[in-house]
N, C-alpha and C. Protein backbone atom coordinates (compact mmCIF):
# COMPACT_ATOMS: atom_id res chain seq x y z
N MET A 1 0.82 -1.20 0.00
CA MET A 1 0.00 0.00 0.00
C MET A 1 0.86 1.26 0.00
N TYR A 2 1.88 1.25 0.89
CA TYR A 2 2.79 2.41 0.90
C TYR A 2 3.53 2.55 -0.41
N ARG A 3 3.84 1.39 -0.97
CA ARG A 3 4.58 1.41 -2.23
C ARG A 3 3.76 2.07 -3.33
N LYS A 4 2.46 1.74 -3.37
CA LYS A 4 1.58 2.34 -4.37
C LYS A 4 1.49 3.85 -4.19
N SER A 5 1.44 4.31 -2.94
CA SER A 5 1.36 5.75 -2.65
C SER A 5 2.61 6.47 -3.15
N TYR A 6 3.78 5.85 -2.89
CA TYR A 6 5.03 6.46 -3.36
C TYR A 6 5.09 6.51 -4.87
N VAL A 7 4.63 5.43 -5.51
CA VAL A 7 4.64 5.39 -6.97
C VAL A 7 3.71 6.47 -7.53
N LEU A 8 2.50 6.59 -6.94
CA LEU A 8 1.55 7.62 -7.40
C LEU A 8 2.12 9.02 -7.17
N MET A 9 2.77 9.24 -6.01
CA MET A 9 3.35 10.54 -5.72
C MET A 9 4.47 10.86 -6.70
N PHE A 10 5.31 9.87 -7.00
CA PHE A 10 6.42 10.06 -7.93
C PHE A 10 5.89 10.40 -9.33
N LEU A 11 4.87 9.67 -9.77
CA LEU A 11 4.28 9.94 -11.09
C LEU A 11 3.65 11.33 -11.15
N SER A 12 3.04 11.77 -10.04
CA SER A 12 2.47 13.11 -9.98
C SER A 12 3.55 14.17 -10.15
N PHE A 13 4.69 13.98 -9.45
CA PHE A 13 5.80 14.94 -9.58
C PHE A 13 6.34 14.98 -10.99
N VAL A 14 6.47 13.81 -11.62
CA VAL A 14 6.98 13.74 -13.00
C VAL A 14 6.04 14.47 -13.95
N MET A 15 4.73 14.28 -13.77
CA MET A 15 3.76 14.95 -14.65
C MET A 15 3.78 16.46 -14.46
N ILE A 16 3.90 16.92 -13.21
CA ILE A 16 3.96 18.37 -12.93
C ILE A 16 5.22 18.97 -13.54
N ALA A 17 6.36 18.26 -13.37
CA ALA A 17 7.62 18.75 -13.93
C ALA A 17 7.55 18.84 -15.46
N ALA A 18 6.95 17.83 -16.08
CA ALA A 18 6.81 17.83 -17.54
C ALA A 18 5.91 18.97 -18.00
N LEU A 19 4.84 19.20 -17.25
CA LEU A 19 3.92 20.28 -17.58
C LEU A 19 4.61 21.64 -17.48
N LEU A 20 5.37 21.85 -16.39
CA LEU A 20 6.07 23.13 -16.21
C LEU A 20 7.13 23.35 -17.27
N SER A 21 7.89 22.30 -17.59
CA SER A 21 8.93 22.46 -18.61
C SER A 21 8.31 22.71 -19.98
N GLY A 22 7.14 22.14 -20.21
CA GLY A 22 6.44 22.38 -21.48
C GLY A 22 5.98 23.82 -21.59
N CYS A 23 5.51 24.39 -20.46
CA CYS A 23 5.09 25.80 -20.45
C CYS A 23 6.27 26.73 -20.67
N ALA A 24 7.40 26.35 -20.04
CA ALA A 24 8.60 27.19 -20.20
C ALA A 24 9.07 27.18 -21.65
N GLY A 25 8.87 26.06 -22.32
CA GLY A 25 9.32 25.96 -23.70
C GLY A 25 8.37 26.62 -24.69
N MET A 26 7.24 27.15 -24.20
CA MET A 26 6.25 27.75 -25.09
C MET A 26 6.49 29.25 -25.30
N GLN A 27 7.72 29.70 -25.10
CA GLN A 27 8.05 31.11 -25.32
C GLN A 27 7.75 31.48 -26.77
N ALA A 28 7.24 32.70 -26.95
CA ALA A 28 6.87 33.16 -28.29
C ALA A 28 8.07 33.14 -29.22
N LYS A 29 7.83 32.80 -30.47
CA LYS A 29 8.89 32.81 -31.48
C LYS A 29 8.86 34.14 -32.21
N PRO A 30 10.03 34.81 -32.35
CA PRO A 30 10.05 36.12 -33.02
C PRO A 30 9.65 36.01 -34.49
N THR A 31 8.81 36.94 -34.93
CA THR A 31 8.44 37.07 -36.34
C THR A 31 8.45 38.56 -36.68
N GLU A 32 8.42 38.88 -37.95
CA GLU A 32 8.35 40.28 -38.38
C GLU A 32 7.10 40.95 -37.81
N ALA A 33 6.02 40.18 -37.68
CA ALA A 33 4.74 40.74 -37.22
C ALA A 33 4.71 40.99 -35.72
N ASN A 34 5.33 40.09 -34.91
CA ASN A 34 5.20 40.26 -33.46
C ASN A 34 6.43 40.90 -32.79
N PHE A 35 7.46 41.25 -33.56
CA PHE A 35 8.67 41.87 -33.00
C PHE A 35 8.38 43.36 -32.75
N LYS A 36 8.12 43.72 -31.49
CA LYS A 36 7.84 45.12 -31.14
C LYS A 36 9.15 45.86 -30.89
N ALA A 37 9.19 47.12 -31.26
CA ALA A 37 10.41 47.93 -31.08
C ALA A 37 10.67 48.16 -29.60
N PRO A 38 11.86 47.82 -29.11
CA PRO A 38 12.23 48.15 -27.73
C PRO A 38 12.26 49.66 -27.55
N ALA A 39 12.01 50.11 -26.32
CA ALA A 39 12.00 51.55 -26.00
C ALA A 39 13.36 51.96 -25.44
N VAL A 40 13.92 53.03 -25.98
CA VAL A 40 15.19 53.58 -25.52
C VAL A 40 14.91 54.93 -24.86
N THR A 41 15.19 55.04 -23.56
CA THR A 41 14.89 56.24 -22.79
C THR A 41 16.13 56.71 -22.05
N LEU A 42 16.43 57.99 -22.16
CA LEU A 42 17.56 58.55 -21.41
C LEU A 42 17.13 58.75 -19.96
N SER A 43 17.79 58.05 -19.05
CA SER A 43 17.50 58.19 -17.62
C SER A 43 18.10 59.49 -17.08
N HIS A 44 19.41 59.67 -17.31
CA HIS A 44 20.09 60.88 -16.84
C HIS A 44 21.50 60.93 -17.43
N VAL A 45 22.18 62.05 -17.18
CA VAL A 45 23.56 62.24 -17.61
C VAL A 45 24.39 62.56 -16.37
N GLU A 46 25.57 61.97 -16.29
CA GLU A 46 26.48 62.23 -15.17
C GLU A 46 27.77 62.85 -15.67
N VAL A 47 28.51 63.49 -14.76
CA VAL A 47 29.83 64.05 -15.08
C VAL A 47 30.86 63.31 -14.21
N PRO A 48 31.34 62.14 -14.65
CA PRO A 48 32.26 61.36 -13.82
C PRO A 48 33.69 61.91 -13.77
N TYR A 49 34.07 62.77 -14.74
CA TYR A 49 35.42 63.33 -14.72
C TYR A 49 35.38 64.79 -15.17
N TYR A 50 35.92 65.68 -14.31
CA TYR A 50 35.86 67.11 -14.59
C TYR A 50 37.01 67.79 -13.87
N VAL A 51 37.77 68.64 -14.58
CA VAL A 51 38.92 69.32 -13.97
C VAL A 51 38.81 70.84 -14.10
N GLY A 52 37.64 71.34 -14.42
CA GLY A 52 37.48 72.78 -14.56
C GLY A 52 37.67 73.23 -16.00
N TYR A 53 37.79 74.53 -16.17
CA TYR A 53 37.89 75.13 -17.50
C TYR A 53 39.27 75.72 -17.73
N TYR A 54 39.93 75.32 -18.82
CA TYR A 54 41.16 75.99 -19.24
C TYR A 54 41.42 75.68 -20.71
N TYR A 55 42.25 76.51 -21.31
CA TYR A 55 42.71 76.30 -22.68
C TYR A 55 44.14 76.82 -22.73
N ILE A 56 45.06 76.01 -23.23
CA ILE A 56 46.47 76.40 -23.32
C ILE A 56 46.88 76.45 -24.78
N GLY A 57 47.27 77.63 -25.25
CA GLY A 57 47.71 77.79 -26.64
C GLY A 57 49.15 77.36 -26.82
N ASN A 58 49.56 77.18 -28.07
CA ASN A 58 50.90 76.64 -28.36
C ASN A 58 52.03 77.66 -28.15
N LYS A 59 51.70 78.88 -27.76
CA LYS A 59 52.74 79.87 -27.47
C LYS A 59 53.12 79.89 -25.98
N VAL A 60 52.38 79.16 -25.18
CA VAL A 60 52.64 79.12 -23.74
C VAL A 60 53.76 78.14 -23.43
N GLU A 61 54.70 78.55 -22.60
CA GLU A 61 55.79 77.67 -22.17
C GLU A 61 55.22 76.57 -21.27
N VAL A 62 55.67 75.36 -21.49
CA VAL A 62 55.19 74.25 -20.66
C VAL A 62 56.29 73.82 -19.69
N THR A 63 55.89 73.30 -18.56
CA THR A 63 56.85 72.83 -17.56
C THR A 63 57.53 71.55 -18.04
N LYS A 64 56.75 70.64 -18.57
CA LYS A 64 57.27 69.37 -19.12
C LYS A 64 56.55 69.07 -20.42
N GLY A 65 57.20 68.34 -21.30
CA GLY A 65 56.56 67.93 -22.55
C GLY A 65 56.65 68.98 -23.63
N ASN A 66 55.82 68.82 -24.64
CA ASN A 66 55.86 69.68 -25.83
C ASN A 66 54.77 70.75 -25.79
N LYS A 67 55.07 71.87 -26.44
CA LYS A 67 54.06 72.92 -26.60
C LYS A 67 52.96 72.41 -27.53
N GLY A 68 51.78 72.98 -27.39
CA GLY A 68 50.68 72.62 -28.27
C GLY A 68 49.42 73.31 -27.84
N ASN A 69 48.35 73.09 -28.58
CA ASN A 69 47.04 73.61 -28.21
C ASN A 69 46.32 72.51 -27.43
N TYR A 70 46.13 72.75 -26.14
CA TYR A 70 45.52 71.75 -25.27
C TYR A 70 44.33 72.34 -24.54
N GLY A 71 43.35 71.49 -24.24
CA GLY A 71 42.17 71.96 -23.53
C GLY A 71 41.78 71.06 -22.39
N ALA A 72 40.99 71.60 -21.48
CA ALA A 72 40.52 70.85 -20.31
C ALA A 72 39.68 69.66 -20.75
N PRO A 73 40.00 68.46 -20.24
CA PRO A 73 39.17 67.29 -20.57
C PRO A 73 37.93 67.23 -19.69
N MET A 74 36.94 66.53 -20.19
CA MET A 74 35.71 66.33 -19.43
C MET A 74 35.05 65.05 -19.95
N MET A 75 34.50 64.28 -19.03
CA MET A 75 33.77 63.07 -19.44
C MET A 75 32.32 63.18 -18.99
N LEU A 76 31.43 62.82 -19.88
CA LEU A 76 30.01 62.68 -19.54
C LEU A 76 29.65 61.21 -19.67
N ALA A 77 28.68 60.78 -18.89
CA ALA A 77 28.15 59.42 -19.01
C ALA A 77 26.65 59.52 -19.23
N PHE A 78 26.19 58.98 -20.35
CA PHE A 78 24.76 58.96 -20.68
C PHE A 78 24.20 57.60 -20.25
N ILE A 79 23.22 57.61 -19.36
CA ILE A 79 22.64 56.36 -18.85
C ILE A 79 21.25 56.20 -19.46
N PHE A 80 21.10 55.13 -20.24
CA PHE A 80 19.84 54.84 -20.93
C PHE A 80 19.18 53.61 -20.34
N GLU A 81 17.85 53.60 -20.37
CA GLU A 81 17.04 52.42 -20.03
C GLU A 81 16.57 51.80 -21.34
N ILE A 82 16.80 50.49 -21.49
CA ILE A 82 16.38 49.76 -22.70
C ILE A 82 15.30 48.76 -22.29
N GLU A 83 14.06 49.03 -22.69
CA GLU A 83 12.94 48.18 -22.29
C GLU A 83 12.53 47.26 -23.44
N ASN A 84 12.46 45.97 -23.15
CA ASN A 84 12.05 44.97 -24.13
C ASN A 84 10.59 44.60 -23.89
N PRO A 85 9.65 45.04 -24.75
CA PRO A 85 8.23 44.74 -24.55
C PRO A 85 7.81 43.38 -25.10
N ASN A 86 8.76 42.65 -25.67
CA ASN A 86 8.44 41.38 -26.35
C ASN A 86 8.36 40.21 -25.38
N ASP A 87 7.75 39.12 -25.85
CA ASP A 87 7.65 37.88 -25.07
C ASP A 87 8.84 36.96 -25.33
N PHE A 88 9.90 37.52 -25.88
CA PHE A 88 11.12 36.77 -26.16
C PHE A 88 12.31 37.71 -25.94
N PRO A 89 13.49 37.17 -25.64
CA PRO A 89 14.66 38.04 -25.45
C PRO A 89 15.12 38.65 -26.77
N VAL A 90 15.69 39.84 -26.71
CA VAL A 90 16.26 40.48 -27.89
C VAL A 90 17.70 40.87 -27.59
N MET A 91 18.52 40.90 -28.64
CA MET A 91 19.92 41.29 -28.48
C MET A 91 20.13 42.69 -29.06
N MET A 92 20.80 43.54 -28.28
CA MET A 92 21.19 44.86 -28.79
C MET A 92 22.67 44.80 -29.14
N ASP A 93 23.00 45.11 -30.40
CA ASP A 93 24.41 45.03 -30.80
C ASP A 93 24.84 46.23 -31.64
N GLY A 94 24.24 47.37 -31.39
CA GLY A 94 24.63 48.63 -32.03
C GLY A 94 23.93 49.77 -31.34
N PHE A 95 24.71 50.83 -30.98
CA PHE A 95 24.11 51.93 -30.23
C PHE A 95 24.95 53.18 -30.46
N GLN A 96 24.37 54.23 -31.05
CA GLN A 96 25.12 55.46 -31.27
C GLN A 96 24.20 56.66 -31.32
N PHE A 97 24.78 57.84 -31.06
CA PHE A 97 24.01 59.08 -31.10
C PHE A 97 24.97 60.27 -31.16
N SER A 98 24.43 61.41 -31.56
CA SER A 98 25.19 62.66 -31.56
C SER A 98 24.90 63.41 -30.28
N VAL A 99 25.92 64.11 -29.76
CA VAL A 99 25.76 64.91 -28.54
C VAL A 99 25.70 66.38 -28.92
N LEU A 100 24.69 67.07 -28.39
CA LEU A 100 24.56 68.51 -28.61
C LEU A 100 24.61 69.23 -27.26
N PHE A 101 25.40 70.30 -27.20
CA PHE A 101 25.34 71.23 -26.09
C PHE A 101 24.48 72.38 -26.60
N GLU A 102 23.36 72.63 -25.92
CA GLU A 102 22.34 73.53 -26.43
C GLU A 102 21.96 73.04 -27.83
N ASP A 103 22.11 73.86 -28.88
CA ASP A 103 21.75 73.37 -30.22
C ASP A 103 22.98 73.23 -31.12
N PHE A 104 24.16 73.02 -30.51
CA PHE A 104 25.40 72.83 -31.26
C PHE A 104 25.87 71.38 -31.13
N GLU A 105 26.02 70.70 -32.27
CA GLU A 105 26.54 69.32 -32.23
C GLU A 105 28.03 69.36 -31.92
N VAL A 106 28.45 68.62 -30.88
CA VAL A 106 29.84 68.67 -30.44
C VAL A 106 30.55 67.32 -30.46
N ASN A 107 29.81 66.23 -30.66
CA ASN A 107 30.46 64.92 -30.65
C ASN A 107 29.48 63.87 -31.16
N THR A 108 30.02 62.74 -31.61
CA THR A 108 29.22 61.56 -31.92
C THR A 108 29.83 60.40 -31.17
N VAL A 109 29.01 59.68 -30.42
CA VAL A 109 29.53 58.58 -29.60
C VAL A 109 28.77 57.29 -29.91
N MET A 110 29.43 56.18 -29.60
CA MET A 110 28.80 54.88 -29.81
C MET A 110 29.24 53.93 -28.72
N SER A 111 28.46 52.91 -28.52
CA SER A 111 28.80 51.86 -27.57
C SER A 111 29.02 50.57 -28.34
N PRO A 112 30.17 49.91 -28.12
CA PRO A 112 30.42 48.63 -28.78
C PRO A 112 29.81 47.46 -28.01
N GLU A 113 29.14 47.76 -26.91
CA GLU A 113 28.61 46.72 -26.03
C GLU A 113 27.46 45.95 -26.68
N THR A 114 27.50 44.64 -26.51
CA THR A 114 26.40 43.78 -26.95
C THR A 114 25.71 43.25 -25.71
N MET A 115 24.40 43.29 -25.68
CA MET A 115 23.68 42.78 -24.51
C MET A 115 22.37 42.13 -24.90
N TRP A 116 21.96 41.16 -24.09
CA TRP A 116 20.65 40.53 -24.24
C TRP A 116 19.70 41.18 -23.24
N ILE A 117 18.50 41.52 -23.70
CA ILE A 117 17.47 42.04 -22.81
C ILE A 117 16.40 40.95 -22.71
N PRO A 118 16.19 40.41 -21.51
CA PRO A 118 15.20 39.33 -21.36
C PRO A 118 13.79 39.80 -21.71
N ALA A 119 12.92 38.84 -21.99
CA ALA A 119 11.53 39.15 -22.33
C ALA A 119 10.87 39.96 -21.23
N GLY A 120 10.26 41.08 -21.61
CA GLY A 120 9.51 41.89 -20.65
C GLY A 120 10.36 42.62 -19.61
N LYS A 121 11.66 42.69 -19.81
CA LYS A 121 12.55 43.31 -18.81
C LYS A 121 13.20 44.58 -19.35
N THR A 122 13.86 45.32 -18.44
CA THR A 122 14.55 46.56 -18.80
C THR A 122 16.00 46.48 -18.36
N ASN A 123 16.91 46.72 -19.28
CA ASN A 123 18.34 46.79 -18.98
C ASN A 123 18.77 48.23 -18.96
N GLN A 124 19.96 48.45 -18.42
CA GLN A 124 20.55 49.80 -18.41
C GLN A 124 21.88 49.76 -19.14
N ILE A 125 22.15 50.80 -19.91
CA ILE A 125 23.44 50.91 -20.59
C ILE A 125 24.03 52.29 -20.29
N ARG A 126 25.32 52.31 -19.99
CA ARG A 126 26.04 53.55 -19.71
C ARG A 126 26.99 53.80 -20.87
N VAL A 127 26.84 54.95 -21.52
CA VAL A 127 27.68 55.29 -22.67
C VAL A 127 28.55 56.49 -22.31
N PRO A 128 29.88 56.31 -22.20
CA PRO A 128 30.75 57.44 -21.89
C PRO A 128 31.03 58.28 -23.14
N ALA A 129 31.20 59.57 -22.93
CA ALA A 129 31.55 60.49 -24.01
C ALA A 129 32.63 61.43 -23.49
N ILE A 130 33.75 61.52 -24.21
CA ILE A 130 34.88 62.32 -23.78
C ILE A 130 34.98 63.59 -24.63
N PHE A 131 35.23 64.70 -23.96
CA PHE A 131 35.34 66.00 -24.62
C PHE A 131 36.59 66.69 -24.10
N ASP A 132 37.09 67.65 -24.86
CA ASP A 132 38.06 68.60 -24.32
C ASP A 132 37.82 69.95 -24.99
N THR A 133 38.32 71.00 -24.37
CA THR A 133 38.01 72.33 -24.89
C THR A 133 38.61 72.57 -26.26
N ARG A 134 39.74 71.94 -26.57
CA ARG A 134 40.36 72.11 -27.89
C ARG A 134 39.48 71.50 -28.99
N GLN A 135 39.09 70.26 -28.81
CA GLN A 135 38.26 69.57 -29.81
C GLN A 135 36.91 70.26 -29.97
N THR A 136 36.32 70.71 -28.86
CA THR A 136 35.02 71.36 -28.92
C THR A 136 35.13 72.74 -29.58
N LEU A 137 36.23 73.45 -29.31
CA LEU A 137 36.45 74.73 -29.98
C LEU A 137 36.57 74.54 -31.49
N THR A 138 37.29 73.50 -31.92
CA THR A 138 37.43 73.21 -33.35
C THR A 138 36.07 72.94 -33.98
N THR A 139 35.21 72.21 -33.26
CA THR A 139 33.85 71.95 -33.75
C THR A 139 33.07 73.25 -33.90
N LEU A 140 33.24 74.14 -32.93
CA LEU A 140 32.54 75.43 -33.00
C LEU A 140 33.05 76.30 -34.14
N LEU A 141 34.36 76.24 -34.40
CA LEU A 141 34.95 77.09 -35.43
C LEU A 141 34.71 76.57 -36.84
N LEU A 142 34.43 75.28 -36.98
CA LEU A 142 34.20 74.73 -38.33
C LEU A 142 32.71 74.52 -38.58
N PRO A 143 32.11 73.40 -38.16
CA PRO A 143 30.68 73.21 -38.48
C PRO A 143 29.76 74.25 -37.86
N GLY A 144 30.11 74.74 -36.65
CA GLY A 144 29.20 75.66 -35.97
C GLY A 144 29.44 77.13 -36.24
N ALA A 145 30.41 77.46 -37.09
CA ALA A 145 30.80 78.86 -37.30
C ALA A 145 29.65 79.73 -37.80
N MET A 146 28.89 79.25 -38.76
CA MET A 146 27.79 80.05 -39.33
C MET A 146 26.71 80.31 -38.29
N LYS A 147 26.40 79.31 -37.50
CA LYS A 147 25.37 79.46 -36.47
C LYS A 147 25.81 80.49 -35.43
N LEU A 148 27.09 80.43 -35.03
CA LEU A 148 27.62 81.41 -34.08
C LEU A 148 27.54 82.82 -34.64
N LYS A 149 27.91 82.95 -35.91
CA LYS A 149 27.89 84.27 -36.56
C LYS A 149 26.47 84.83 -36.62
N GLU A 150 25.51 83.96 -36.99
CA GLU A 150 24.11 84.38 -37.07
C GLU A 150 23.60 84.87 -35.72
N LYS A 151 24.06 84.23 -34.65
CA LYS A 151 23.59 84.59 -33.31
C LYS A 151 24.46 85.65 -32.65
N GLY A 152 25.57 86.02 -33.31
CA GLY A 152 26.46 87.03 -32.75
C GLY A 152 27.14 86.58 -31.47
N ILE A 153 27.53 85.29 -31.43
CA ILE A 153 28.12 84.72 -30.21
C ILE A 153 29.59 84.40 -30.45
N SER A 154 30.44 84.70 -29.48
CA SER A 154 31.85 84.34 -29.55
C SER A 154 32.02 82.86 -29.21
N PRO A 155 32.83 82.10 -29.98
CA PRO A 155 33.05 80.69 -29.63
C PRO A 155 33.70 80.55 -28.25
N TRP A 156 34.54 81.50 -27.87
CA TRP A 156 35.18 81.44 -26.55
C TRP A 156 34.16 81.60 -25.42
N ASP A 157 33.21 82.49 -25.62
CA ASP A 157 32.16 82.68 -24.60
C ASP A 157 31.32 81.42 -24.45
N LYS A 158 31.00 80.82 -25.60
CA LYS A 158 30.18 79.60 -25.57
C LYS A 158 30.94 78.46 -24.89
N LEU A 159 32.22 78.32 -25.22
CA LEU A 159 33.05 77.26 -24.63
C LEU A 159 33.13 77.42 -23.11
N GLU A 160 33.38 78.63 -22.65
CA GLU A 160 33.48 78.86 -21.20
C GLU A 160 32.14 78.61 -20.50
N LYS A 161 31.06 79.02 -21.14
CA LYS A 161 29.73 78.78 -20.56
C LYS A 161 29.49 77.29 -20.36
N TRP A 162 29.83 76.49 -21.37
CA TRP A 162 29.59 75.04 -21.29
C TRP A 162 30.46 74.40 -20.21
N TRP A 163 31.74 74.74 -20.20
CA TRP A 163 32.65 74.06 -19.25
C TRP A 163 32.37 74.48 -17.81
N THR A 164 32.06 75.73 -17.59
CA THR A 164 31.80 76.15 -16.20
C THR A 164 30.39 75.77 -15.76
N GLY A 165 29.46 75.62 -16.70
CA GLY A 165 28.08 75.30 -16.34
C GLY A 165 27.74 73.82 -16.33
N MET A 166 28.66 72.97 -16.85
CA MET A 166 28.33 71.54 -16.95
C MET A 166 28.07 70.84 -15.62
N PRO A 167 28.84 71.10 -14.56
CA PRO A 167 28.56 70.37 -13.30
C PRO A 167 27.13 70.57 -12.78
N GLU A 168 26.53 71.72 -13.06
CA GLU A 168 25.15 71.98 -12.62
C GLU A 168 24.14 71.75 -13.74
N PHE A 169 24.61 71.36 -14.92
CA PHE A 169 23.74 71.20 -16.09
C PHE A 169 22.89 72.46 -16.28
N SER A 170 23.57 73.60 -16.40
CA SER A 170 22.89 74.89 -16.54
C SER A 170 22.40 75.14 -17.97
N PHE A 171 22.59 74.17 -18.85
CA PHE A 171 22.10 74.25 -20.23
C PHE A 171 21.72 72.83 -20.67
N PRO A 172 20.88 72.70 -21.70
CA PRO A 172 20.46 71.36 -22.12
C PRO A 172 21.56 70.59 -22.87
N VAL A 173 21.67 69.32 -22.53
CA VAL A 173 22.55 68.38 -23.23
C VAL A 173 21.65 67.36 -23.92
N SER A 174 21.83 67.18 -25.24
CA SER A 174 20.92 66.33 -26.01
C SER A 174 21.63 65.14 -26.64
N ALA A 175 20.88 64.05 -26.73
CA ALA A 175 21.28 62.90 -27.55
C ALA A 175 20.36 62.94 -28.76
N LYS A 176 20.93 63.21 -29.94
CA LYS A 176 20.12 63.36 -31.16
C LYS A 176 20.56 62.34 -32.21
N GLU A 177 19.67 62.11 -33.17
CA GLU A 177 19.94 61.19 -34.29
C GLU A 177 20.46 59.85 -33.79
N GLY A 178 19.89 59.39 -32.67
CA GLY A 178 20.33 58.13 -32.09
C GLY A 178 19.73 56.93 -32.81
N SER A 179 20.46 55.82 -32.78
CA SER A 179 19.93 54.57 -33.33
C SER A 179 20.46 53.41 -32.51
N ALA A 180 19.57 52.47 -32.22
CA ALA A 180 19.92 51.24 -31.51
C ALA A 180 19.48 50.07 -32.37
N ILE A 181 20.35 49.07 -32.52
CA ILE A 181 20.06 47.93 -33.38
C ILE A 181 19.73 46.71 -32.51
N PHE A 182 18.57 46.14 -32.74
CA PHE A 182 18.12 44.97 -31.98
C PHE A 182 17.88 43.81 -32.94
N SER A 183 18.09 42.60 -32.44
CA SER A 183 17.82 41.42 -33.26
C SER A 183 17.28 40.29 -32.39
N ALA A 184 16.51 39.41 -33.04
CA ALA A 184 15.97 38.23 -32.39
C ALA A 184 15.71 37.19 -33.46
N ASP A 185 16.39 36.07 -33.34
CA ASP A 185 16.20 34.95 -34.26
C ASP A 185 16.35 35.37 -35.72
N GLY A 186 17.36 36.22 -35.99
CA GLY A 186 17.65 36.64 -37.37
C GLY A 186 16.86 37.84 -37.85
N ILE A 187 15.88 38.30 -37.06
CA ILE A 187 15.10 39.48 -37.44
C ILE A 187 15.75 40.70 -36.81
N VAL A 188 15.99 41.75 -37.60
CA VAL A 188 16.69 42.95 -37.13
C VAL A 188 15.74 44.14 -37.14
N LYS A 189 15.82 44.93 -36.08
CA LYS A 189 15.00 46.15 -35.99
C LYS A 189 15.90 47.29 -35.53
N VAL A 190 15.89 48.40 -36.29
CA VAL A 190 16.65 49.60 -35.92
C VAL A 190 15.68 50.60 -35.29
N VAL A 191 16.00 51.01 -34.08
CA VAL A 191 15.12 51.91 -33.33
C VAL A 191 15.77 53.29 -33.21
N PRO A 192 15.15 54.33 -33.76
CA PRO A 192 15.68 55.69 -33.60
C PRO A 192 15.29 56.25 -32.23
N PHE A 193 16.10 57.17 -31.70
CA PHE A 193 15.75 57.80 -30.42
C PHE A 193 16.39 59.18 -30.34
N GLU A 194 15.78 60.02 -29.51
CA GLU A 194 16.31 61.35 -29.19
C GLU A 194 15.93 61.64 -27.74
N ALA A 195 16.75 62.46 -27.06
CA ALA A 195 16.46 62.79 -25.68
C ALA A 195 17.20 64.05 -25.29
N VAL A 196 16.70 64.73 -24.26
CA VAL A 196 17.33 65.95 -23.74
C VAL A 196 17.43 65.83 -22.23
N PHE A 197 18.57 66.29 -21.66
CA PHE A 197 18.74 66.33 -20.22
C PHE A 197 19.34 67.68 -19.84
N PRO A 198 18.94 68.34 -18.78
CA PRO A 198 17.84 67.89 -17.89
C PRO A 198 16.49 68.25 -18.51
């Protein structure tokens, strides 16, 4: 009698386990029709590295090393939330955007990171962007020159405003013309995004 009870209990466990594993295996299969675009949202921007504002021209004597045009470095970190609304995991293997200070494009950054976002979950990605006053000044003097002239703004004034105001985010920083590439089971979807902080 006890033996029959154990056998029945064992068979019950086997049937429950088979049922659960069958349900787990019923995950939706990606198709062109059911592959929903993941949402890319800018959570916030951080300033992990900042040494203040300076610019050194090539006529200045240096204590060590070579003379040159050098500028204060600064690093920003853009933290994005990547939400997968699908019933299957998706892989993100491409992520890039242009950075604008106010309405001036100053850099283009990308992340080489590849990540899987589980079904119905949200991942976070941190994208660092490095700037210095020399490179940003060059951007202002070349692509941004006409815009500065139209507005009657000195590139030096704009540069100083950005570098001294960045720790408090006293002006808008934008991620524009962004694109994130997602794939699932050979199906690829490119998702455009834009965001402004703060």
